[in-house]
């Protein structure tokens, strides 16, 4: 219930809204996701682990944003997007939620350690997450989009 009231609050503030579904915007976010993941791997190879963690997360987040725009949902809040992944689409959001926490820790705080192994694991998690969402997206048809839009309105 708390999560749903959070979504409703964002909707009232105009930070979460139903818009026209857009394959063009979806495709733009898919490209950003792909670029972020490629960059995360380059940074890993150059021992820039903090930055690699951030871009692995943003790869996942941009993939999620692509799916939202495919349905016609504009969301300006990372936490809300992650909630919608589960509440709207019924997809487990644990991996992206954990990646978000890791990104915040590595980007904003100095009292942490980041290992190469953890970074490799996060990149692999991002690859799996992105593949699963891409597969989910490719199976979406106009009727499913209508159903998700209706469900969105019921949620918020």
N, C-alpha and C. Protein backbone atom coordinates (compact mmCIF):
# COMPACT_ATOMS: atom_id res chain seq x y z
N UNK A 1 0.83 -1.20 0.00
CA UNK A 1 0.00 0.00 0.00
C UNK A 1 0.87 1.26 0.00
N UNK A 2 1.95 1.21 0.77
CA UNK A 2 2.85 2.35 0.86
C UNK A 2 3.45 2.68 -0.51
N UNK A 3 3.82 1.63 -1.26
CA UNK A 3 4.40 1.83 -2.59
C UNK A 3 3.39 2.44 -3.54
N UNK A 4 2.15 2.00 -3.44
CA UNK A 4 1.11 2.51 -4.33
C UNK A 4 0.81 3.98 -4.02
N UNK A 5 0.79 4.36 -2.75
CA UNK A 5 0.56 5.77 -2.40
C UNK A 5 1.73 6.62 -2.88
N UNK A 6 2.95 6.06 -2.86
CA UNK A 6 4.12 6.76 -3.40
C UNK A 6 3.93 7.01 -4.90
N UNK A 7 3.47 6.00 -5.62
CA UNK A 7 3.22 6.17 -7.05
C UNK A 7 2.13 7.21 -7.30
N UNK A 8 1.08 7.18 -6.50
CA UNK A 8 0.00 8.15 -6.65
C UNK A 8 0.50 9.58 -6.40
N UNK A 9 1.35 9.72 -5.40
CA UNK A 9 1.93 11.03 -5.10
C UNK A 9 2.73 11.54 -6.29
N UNK A 10 3.56 10.68 -6.88
CA UNK A 10 4.35 11.09 -8.05
C UNK A 10 3.45 11.44 -9.23
N UNK A 11 2.37 10.72 -9.38
CA UNK A 11 1.42 11.03 -10.46
C UNK A 11 0.82 12.41 -10.25
N UNK A 12 0.42 12.69 -9.03
CA UNK A 12 -0.15 14.02 -8.72
C UNK A 12 0.86 15.14 -9.00
N UNK A 13 2.14 14.86 -8.76
CA UNK A 13 3.20 15.85 -8.96
C UNK A 13 3.63 15.94 -10.43
N UNK A 14 3.09 15.09 -11.29
CA UNK A 14 3.45 15.09 -12.70
C UNK A 14 4.76 14.39 -13.01
N UNK A 15 5.29 13.65 -12.05
CA UNK A 15 6.56 12.94 -12.24
C UNK A 15 6.35 11.50 -12.73
N UNK A 16 5.10 11.10 -12.77
CA UNK A 16 4.72 9.78 -13.27
C UNK A 16 3.42 9.99 -14.05
N UNK A 17 3.48 9.69 -15.34
CA UNK A 17 2.29 9.96 -16.14
C UNK A 17 2.15 9.01 -17.32
N UNK A 18 0.91 8.87 -17.73
CA UNK A 18 0.60 8.11 -18.92
C UNK A 18 0.80 9.02 -20.12
N UNK A 19 1.59 8.54 -21.09
CA UNK A 19 1.86 9.28 -22.32
C UNK A 19 1.58 8.33 -23.49
N UNK A 20 1.72 8.80 -24.68
CA UNK A 20 1.54 7.92 -25.84
C UNK A 20 2.69 6.91 -25.89
N UNK A 21 2.36 5.65 -26.14
CA UNK A 21 3.44 4.67 -26.32
C UNK A 21 4.35 5.12 -27.46
N UNK A 22 5.64 4.90 -27.32
CA UNK A 22 6.58 5.37 -28.33
C UNK A 22 7.69 4.36 -28.58
N UNK A 23 7.66 3.77 -29.76
CA UNK A 23 8.73 2.86 -30.18
C UNK A 23 10.03 3.64 -30.38
N UNK A 24 9.92 4.88 -30.84
CA UNK A 24 11.10 5.71 -31.08
C UNK A 24 11.84 5.98 -29.78
N UNK A 25 11.10 6.41 -28.76
CA UNK A 25 11.74 6.67 -27.46
C UNK A 25 12.23 5.36 -26.86
N UNK A 26 11.44 4.30 -26.98
CA UNK A 26 11.88 2.99 -26.49
C UNK A 26 13.23 2.62 -27.12
N UNK A 27 13.32 2.74 -28.43
CA UNK A 27 14.56 2.38 -29.12
C UNK A 27 15.75 3.25 -28.68
N UNK A 28 15.48 4.52 -28.40
CA UNK A 28 16.55 5.40 -27.91
C UNK A 28 17.09 4.91 -26.56
N UNK A 29 16.19 4.50 -25.67
CA UNK A 29 16.62 3.99 -24.37
C UNK A 29 17.30 2.63 -24.49
N UNK A 30 16.88 1.82 -25.46
CA UNK A 30 17.58 0.54 -25.70
C UNK A 30 19.02 0.80 -26.11
N UNK A 31 19.23 1.79 -26.97
CA UNK A 31 20.59 2.15 -27.39
C UNK A 31 21.41 2.67 -26.23
N UNK A 32 20.79 3.49 -25.38
CA UNK A 32 21.50 3.99 -24.19
C UNK A 32 21.90 2.83 -23.28
N UNK A 33 20.99 1.88 -23.12
CA UNK A 33 21.25 0.72 -22.28
C UNK A 33 22.44 -0.06 -22.82
N UNK A 34 22.43 -0.30 -24.11
CA UNK A 34 23.53 -1.04 -24.75
C UNK A 34 24.86 -0.30 -24.60
N UNK A 35 24.83 1.00 -24.80
CA UNK A 35 26.03 1.82 -24.68
C UNK A 35 26.55 1.82 -23.24
N UNK A 36 25.64 1.93 -22.27
CA UNK A 36 26.04 1.91 -20.86
C UNK A 36 26.72 0.59 -20.50
N UNK A 37 26.18 -0.51 -20.98
CA UNK A 37 26.76 -1.81 -20.66
C UNK A 37 28.13 -1.97 -21.31
N UNK A 38 28.25 -1.55 -22.56
CA UNK A 38 29.55 -1.61 -23.24
C UNK A 38 30.58 -0.75 -22.50
N UNK A 39 30.16 0.42 -22.06
CA UNK A 39 31.06 1.32 -21.32
C UNK A 39 31.43 0.73 -19.97
N UNK A 40 30.49 0.07 -19.30
CA UNK A 40 30.78 -0.57 -18.01
C UNK A 40 31.88 -1.62 -18.18
N UNK A 41 31.83 -2.35 -19.28
CA UNK A 41 32.86 -3.38 -19.54
C UNK A 41 34.22 -2.75 -19.83
N UNK A 42 34.23 -1.66 -20.57
CA UNK A 42 35.49 -0.96 -20.86
C UNK A 42 36.08 -0.42 -19.56
N UNK A 43 35.25 0.17 -18.72
CA UNK A 43 35.72 0.69 -17.45
C UNK A 43 36.25 -0.43 -16.55
N UNK A 44 35.59 -1.57 -16.54
CA UNK A 44 36.06 -2.71 -15.77
C UNK A 44 37.45 -3.13 -16.23
N UNK A 45 37.64 -3.22 -17.52
CA UNK A 45 38.94 -3.62 -18.05
C UNK A 45 40.05 -2.62 -17.71
N UNK A 46 39.67 -1.40 -17.44
CA UNK A 46 40.63 -0.36 -17.08
C UNK A 46 40.63 -0.06 -15.58
N UNK A 47 40.07 -1.01 -14.80
CA UNK A 47 40.08 -0.94 -13.34
C UNK A 47 39.37 0.31 -12.79
N UNK A 48 38.41 0.83 -13.51
CA UNK A 48 37.58 1.95 -13.04
C UNK A 48 36.28 1.34 -12.51
N UNK A 49 36.39 0.67 -11.36
CA UNK A 49 35.30 -0.15 -10.84
C UNK A 49 34.08 0.64 -10.40
N UNK A 50 34.29 1.76 -9.71
CA UNK A 50 33.15 2.58 -9.26
C UNK A 50 32.30 3.01 -10.45
N UNK A 51 32.97 3.50 -11.47
CA UNK A 51 32.26 3.99 -12.64
C UNK A 51 31.60 2.85 -13.39
N UNK A 52 32.23 1.70 -13.41
CA UNK A 52 31.66 0.52 -14.06
C UNK A 52 30.37 0.10 -13.38
N UNK A 53 30.36 0.12 -12.05
CA UNK A 53 29.16 -0.21 -11.28
C UNK A 53 28.01 0.74 -11.66
N UNK A 54 28.32 2.03 -11.71
CA UNK A 54 27.28 3.01 -12.05
C UNK A 54 26.69 2.75 -13.43
N UNK A 55 27.55 2.50 -14.40
CA UNK A 55 27.04 2.31 -15.76
C UNK A 55 26.34 0.97 -15.93
N UNK A 56 26.72 -0.04 -15.19
CA UNK A 56 25.99 -1.32 -15.23
C UNK A 56 24.56 -1.08 -14.74
N UNK A 57 24.42 -0.34 -13.63
CA UNK A 57 23.08 -0.01 -13.14
C UNK A 57 22.31 0.81 -14.18
N UNK A 58 22.93 1.83 -14.74
CA UNK A 58 22.21 2.67 -15.69
C UNK A 58 21.82 1.90 -16.95
N UNK A 59 22.59 0.88 -17.29
CA UNK A 59 22.19 0.02 -18.39
C UNK A 59 20.86 -0.66 -18.07
N UNK A 60 20.73 -1.16 -16.86
CA UNK A 60 19.49 -1.81 -16.42
C UNK A 60 18.35 -0.80 -16.36
N UNK A 61 18.63 0.35 -15.79
CA UNK A 61 17.60 1.38 -15.64
C UNK A 61 17.10 1.86 -17.01
N UNK A 62 18.00 2.05 -17.95
CA UNK A 62 17.58 2.49 -19.28
C UNK A 62 16.79 1.41 -20.00
N UNK A 63 17.10 0.15 -19.76
CA UNK A 63 16.30 -0.94 -20.33
C UNK A 63 14.89 -0.90 -19.76
N UNK A 64 14.78 -0.69 -18.46
CA UNK A 64 13.47 -0.57 -17.81
C UNK A 64 12.71 0.64 -18.36
N UNK A 65 13.39 1.75 -18.51
CA UNK A 65 12.75 2.96 -19.05
C UNK A 65 12.23 2.71 -20.47
N UNK A 66 12.97 1.94 -21.25
CA UNK A 66 12.52 1.59 -22.61
C UNK A 66 11.19 0.86 -22.57
N UNK A 67 11.07 -0.09 -21.67
CA UNK A 67 9.83 -0.87 -21.54
C UNK A 67 8.67 0.04 -21.12
N UNK A 68 8.95 0.93 -20.19
CA UNK A 68 7.90 1.85 -19.75
C UNK A 68 7.41 2.72 -20.91
N UNK A 69 8.32 3.24 -21.72
CA UNK A 69 7.89 4.06 -22.86
C UNK A 69 7.20 3.22 -23.93
N UNK A 70 7.54 1.95 -24.02
CA UNK A 70 6.85 1.08 -24.97
C UNK A 70 5.36 1.00 -24.62
N UNK A 71 5.07 1.02 -23.32
CA UNK A 71 3.70 0.98 -22.84
C UNK A 71 3.08 2.38 -22.80
N UNK A 72 3.92 3.40 -22.74
CA UNK A 72 3.43 4.77 -22.67
C UNK A 72 3.40 5.30 -21.26
N UNK A 73 4.43 4.99 -20.50
CA UNK A 73 4.55 5.50 -19.13
C UNK A 73 5.85 6.28 -19.02
N UNK A 74 5.72 7.53 -18.60
CA UNK A 74 6.87 8.38 -18.35
C UNK A 74 7.04 8.48 -16.84
N UNK A 75 8.22 8.07 -16.37
CA UNK A 75 8.48 8.08 -14.93
C UNK A 75 9.81 8.78 -14.68
N UNK A 76 9.80 9.79 -13.84
CA UNK A 76 11.00 10.58 -13.54
C UNK A 76 11.65 10.18 -12.22
N UNK A 77 11.32 9.00 -11.71
CA UNK A 77 11.84 8.58 -10.42
C UNK A 77 12.32 7.14 -10.53
N UNK A 78 13.58 6.91 -10.20
CA UNK A 78 14.16 5.57 -10.32
C UNK A 78 13.41 4.55 -9.45
N UNK A 79 13.16 4.90 -8.20
CA UNK A 79 12.48 3.96 -7.30
C UNK A 79 11.10 3.59 -7.82
N UNK A 80 10.38 4.57 -8.33
CA UNK A 80 9.04 4.30 -8.86
C UNK A 80 9.11 3.39 -10.09
N UNK A 81 10.08 3.61 -10.95
CA UNK A 81 10.24 2.74 -12.12
C UNK A 81 10.48 1.30 -11.68
N UNK A 82 11.30 1.14 -10.66
CA UNK A 82 11.61 -0.20 -10.15
C UNK A 82 10.38 -0.84 -9.53
N UNK A 83 9.60 -0.06 -8.81
CA UNK A 83 8.34 -0.56 -8.24
C UNK A 83 7.40 -1.01 -9.36
N UNK A 84 7.31 -0.21 -10.41
CA UNK A 84 6.42 -0.55 -11.53
C UNK A 84 6.82 -1.84 -12.22
N UNK A 85 8.10 -2.13 -12.26
CA UNK A 85 8.56 -3.37 -12.88
C UNK A 85 7.85 -4.56 -12.25
N UNK A 86 7.74 -4.54 -10.95
CA UNK A 86 7.07 -5.62 -10.23
C UNK A 86 5.55 -5.44 -10.20
N UNK A 87 5.10 -4.26 -9.78
CA UNK A 87 3.67 -4.04 -9.57
C UNK A 87 2.86 -4.06 -10.87
N UNK A 88 3.44 -3.58 -11.94
CA UNK A 88 2.72 -3.49 -13.21
C UNK A 88 2.96 -4.71 -14.09
N UNK A 89 4.23 -5.08 -14.24
CA UNK A 89 4.59 -6.15 -15.17
C UNK A 89 4.74 -7.52 -14.51
N UNK A 90 4.80 -7.55 -13.18
CA UNK A 90 4.96 -8.82 -12.48
C UNK A 90 6.34 -9.42 -12.63
N UNK A 91 7.34 -8.57 -12.86
CA UNK A 91 8.72 -9.03 -13.03
C UNK A 91 9.50 -8.74 -11.75
N UNK A 92 10.25 -9.73 -11.29
CA UNK A 92 11.06 -9.58 -10.08
C UNK A 92 12.01 -8.39 -10.25
N UNK A 93 11.99 -7.48 -9.29
CA UNK A 93 12.82 -6.28 -9.38
C UNK A 93 14.02 -6.30 -8.43
N UNK A 94 14.30 -7.43 -7.84
CA UNK A 94 15.38 -7.52 -6.86
C UNK A 94 16.74 -7.16 -7.45
N UNK A 95 17.04 -7.65 -8.66
CA UNK A 95 18.38 -7.42 -9.21
C UNK A 95 18.61 -5.93 -9.52
N UNK A 96 17.62 -5.25 -10.07
CA UNK A 96 17.82 -3.83 -10.37
C UNK A 96 17.78 -3.00 -9.08
N UNK A 97 17.00 -3.43 -8.13
CA UNK A 97 16.97 -2.72 -6.84
C UNK A 97 18.33 -2.82 -6.14
N UNK A 98 18.92 -3.99 -6.15
CA UNK A 98 20.25 -4.18 -5.56
C UNK A 98 21.31 -3.38 -6.33
N UNK A 99 21.20 -3.39 -7.65
CA UNK A 99 22.16 -2.64 -8.48
C UNK A 99 22.06 -1.15 -8.18
N UNK A 100 20.83 -0.67 -7.97
CA UNK A 100 20.64 0.75 -7.63
C UNK A 100 21.33 1.06 -6.30
N UNK A 101 21.16 0.21 -5.31
CA UNK A 101 21.81 0.42 -4.02
C UNK A 101 23.33 0.45 -4.17
N UNK A 102 23.86 -0.47 -4.95
CA UNK A 102 25.31 -0.51 -5.19
C UNK A 102 25.78 0.77 -5.87
N UNK A 103 25.03 1.21 -6.86
CA UNK A 103 25.40 2.44 -7.57
C UNK A 103 25.42 3.63 -6.62
N UNK A 104 24.42 3.74 -5.79
CA UNK A 104 24.36 4.86 -4.83
C UNK A 104 25.55 4.79 -3.87
N UNK A 105 25.81 3.61 -3.34
CA UNK A 105 26.95 3.46 -2.42
C UNK A 105 28.26 3.87 -3.07
N UNK A 106 28.48 3.41 -4.28
CA UNK A 106 29.76 3.66 -4.95
C UNK A 106 29.88 5.10 -5.47
N UNK A 107 28.75 5.68 -5.83
CA UNK A 107 28.79 7.02 -6.42
C UNK A 107 28.83 8.13 -5.37
N UNK A 108 28.20 7.91 -4.23
CA UNK A 108 28.04 9.01 -3.28
C UNK A 108 28.82 8.87 -1.98
N UNK A 109 29.31 7.68 -1.69
CA UNK A 109 29.98 7.47 -0.41
C UNK A 109 31.41 7.01 -0.61
N UNK A 110 32.24 7.27 0.38
CA UNK A 110 33.65 6.90 0.27
C UNK A 110 34.04 5.73 1.19
N UNK A 111 33.17 5.37 2.09
CA UNK A 111 33.50 4.31 3.05
C UNK A 111 32.98 2.95 2.57
N UNK A 112 33.44 2.52 1.42
CA UNK A 112 33.02 1.25 0.86
C UNK A 112 34.21 0.62 0.16
N UNK A 113 34.07 -0.63 -0.17
CA UNK A 113 35.08 -1.26 -1.01
C UNK A 113 34.37 -1.87 -2.21
N UNK A 114 34.99 -1.77 -3.33
CA UNK A 114 34.44 -2.37 -4.54
C UNK A 114 35.51 -3.30 -5.09
N UNK A 115 35.10 -4.51 -5.37
CA UNK A 115 36.06 -5.48 -5.88
C UNK A 115 35.78 -5.76 -7.35
N UNK A 116 36.77 -6.24 -8.00
CA UNK A 116 36.63 -6.62 -9.41
C UNK A 116 35.56 -7.72 -9.54
N UNK A 117 35.60 -8.68 -8.62
CA UNK A 117 34.64 -9.79 -8.67
C UNK A 117 33.21 -9.31 -8.54
N UNK A 118 32.98 -8.37 -7.60
CA UNK A 118 31.64 -7.81 -7.44
C UNK A 118 31.19 -7.07 -8.69
N UNK A 119 32.12 -6.37 -9.30
CA UNK A 119 31.80 -5.59 -10.50
C UNK A 119 31.48 -6.52 -11.67
N UNK A 120 32.27 -7.57 -11.82
CA UNK A 120 31.99 -8.57 -12.87
C UNK A 120 30.61 -9.18 -12.66
N UNK A 121 30.31 -9.51 -11.41
CA UNK A 121 29.01 -10.11 -11.09
C UNK A 121 27.87 -9.14 -11.43
N UNK A 122 28.04 -7.87 -11.12
CA UNK A 122 27.00 -6.90 -11.43
C UNK A 122 26.81 -6.75 -12.95
N UNK A 123 27.89 -6.75 -13.68
CA UNK A 123 27.78 -6.66 -15.15
C UNK A 123 27.05 -7.89 -15.69
N UNK A 124 27.35 -9.06 -15.16
CA UNK A 124 26.65 -10.27 -15.59
C UNK A 124 25.16 -10.20 -15.23
N UNK A 125 24.88 -9.66 -14.05
CA UNK A 125 23.49 -9.48 -13.64
C UNK A 125 22.78 -8.52 -14.60
N UNK A 126 23.45 -7.44 -14.97
CA UNK A 126 22.87 -6.47 -15.91
C UNK A 126 22.62 -7.13 -17.26
N UNK A 127 23.55 -7.94 -17.71
CA UNK A 127 23.35 -8.64 -19.00
C UNK A 127 22.11 -9.53 -18.95
N UNK A 128 21.96 -10.29 -17.87
CA UNK A 128 20.79 -11.17 -17.73
C UNK A 128 19.50 -10.37 -17.63
N UNK A 129 19.53 -9.34 -16.80
CA UNK A 129 18.35 -8.48 -16.63
C UNK A 129 17.93 -7.88 -17.97
N UNK A 130 18.89 -7.33 -18.68
CA UNK A 130 18.59 -6.69 -19.96
C UNK A 130 18.05 -7.69 -20.97
N UNK A 131 18.64 -8.86 -21.01
CA UNK A 131 18.17 -9.91 -21.93
C UNK A 131 16.73 -10.29 -21.61
N UNK A 132 16.44 -10.48 -20.34
CA UNK A 132 15.08 -10.86 -19.93
C UNK A 132 14.07 -9.77 -20.26
N UNK A 133 14.42 -8.52 -20.01
CA UNK A 133 13.49 -7.44 -20.34
C UNK A 133 13.33 -7.27 -21.84
N UNK A 134 14.41 -7.46 -22.59
CA UNK A 134 14.33 -7.36 -24.04
C UNK A 134 13.39 -8.45 -24.58
N UNK A 135 13.52 -9.67 -24.05
CA UNK A 135 12.63 -10.76 -24.45
C UNK A 135 11.18 -10.43 -24.10
N UNK A 136 10.98 -9.89 -22.90
CA UNK A 136 9.64 -9.49 -22.45
C UNK A 136 9.07 -8.45 -23.41
N UNK A 137 9.87 -7.48 -23.76
CA UNK A 137 9.45 -6.40 -24.66
C UNK A 137 9.08 -6.93 -26.04
N UNK A 138 9.87 -7.87 -26.53
CA UNK A 138 9.64 -8.38 -27.89
C UNK A 138 8.33 -9.17 -27.99
N UNK A 139 7.81 -9.64 -26.87
CA UNK A 139 6.56 -10.40 -26.85
C UNK A 139 5.34 -9.52 -26.60
N UNK A 140 5.57 -8.24 -26.40
CA UNK A 140 4.47 -7.33 -26.09
C UNK A 140 3.73 -6.95 -27.38
N UNK A 141 2.42 -7.07 -27.33
CA UNK A 141 1.60 -6.68 -28.48
C UNK A 141 0.66 -5.55 -28.07
N UNK A 142 -0.12 -5.07 -29.01
CA UNK A 142 -0.98 -3.91 -28.73
C UNK A 142 -2.00 -4.20 -27.64
N UNK A 143 -2.51 -5.43 -27.57
CA UNK A 143 -3.47 -5.76 -26.52
C UNK A 143 -2.81 -5.75 -25.15
N UNK A 144 -1.60 -6.28 -25.05
CA UNK A 144 -0.88 -6.27 -23.77
C UNK A 144 -0.58 -4.84 -23.35
N UNK A 145 -0.22 -4.00 -24.31
CA UNK A 145 0.03 -2.59 -23.99
C UNK A 145 -1.22 -1.95 -23.42
N UNK A 146 -2.37 -2.18 -24.04
CA UNK A 146 -3.64 -1.65 -23.52
C UNK A 146 -3.90 -2.15 -22.10
N UNK A 147 -3.67 -3.43 -21.90
CA UNK A 147 -3.89 -4.02 -20.57
C UNK A 147 -2.97 -3.40 -19.52
N UNK A 148 -1.69 -3.20 -19.87
CA UNK A 148 -0.76 -2.59 -18.92
C UNK A 148 -1.13 -1.14 -18.63
N UNK A 149 -1.60 -0.43 -19.63
CA UNK A 149 -2.02 0.96 -19.42
C UNK A 149 -3.22 1.01 -18.47
N UNK A 150 -4.15 0.10 -18.66
CA UNK A 150 -5.31 0.04 -17.79
C UNK A 150 -4.88 -0.29 -16.36
N UNK A 151 -4.00 -1.26 -16.24
CA UNK A 151 -3.50 -1.66 -14.91
C UNK A 151 -2.76 -0.50 -14.24
N UNK A 152 -1.99 0.25 -15.02
CA UNK A 152 -1.28 1.41 -14.49
C UNK A 152 -2.27 2.38 -13.85
N UNK A 153 -3.35 2.68 -14.56
CA UNK A 153 -4.35 3.62 -14.04
C UNK A 153 -4.99 3.09 -12.76
N UNK A 154 -5.15 1.79 -12.67
CA UNK A 154 -5.71 1.19 -11.44
C UNK A 154 -4.71 1.30 -10.28
N UNK A 155 -3.41 1.20 -10.59
CA UNK A 155 -2.39 1.28 -9.55
C UNK A 155 -2.26 2.67 -8.94
N UNK A 156 -2.35 3.67 -9.78
CA UNK A 156 -2.09 5.04 -9.32
C UNK A 156 -3.38 5.79 -9.12
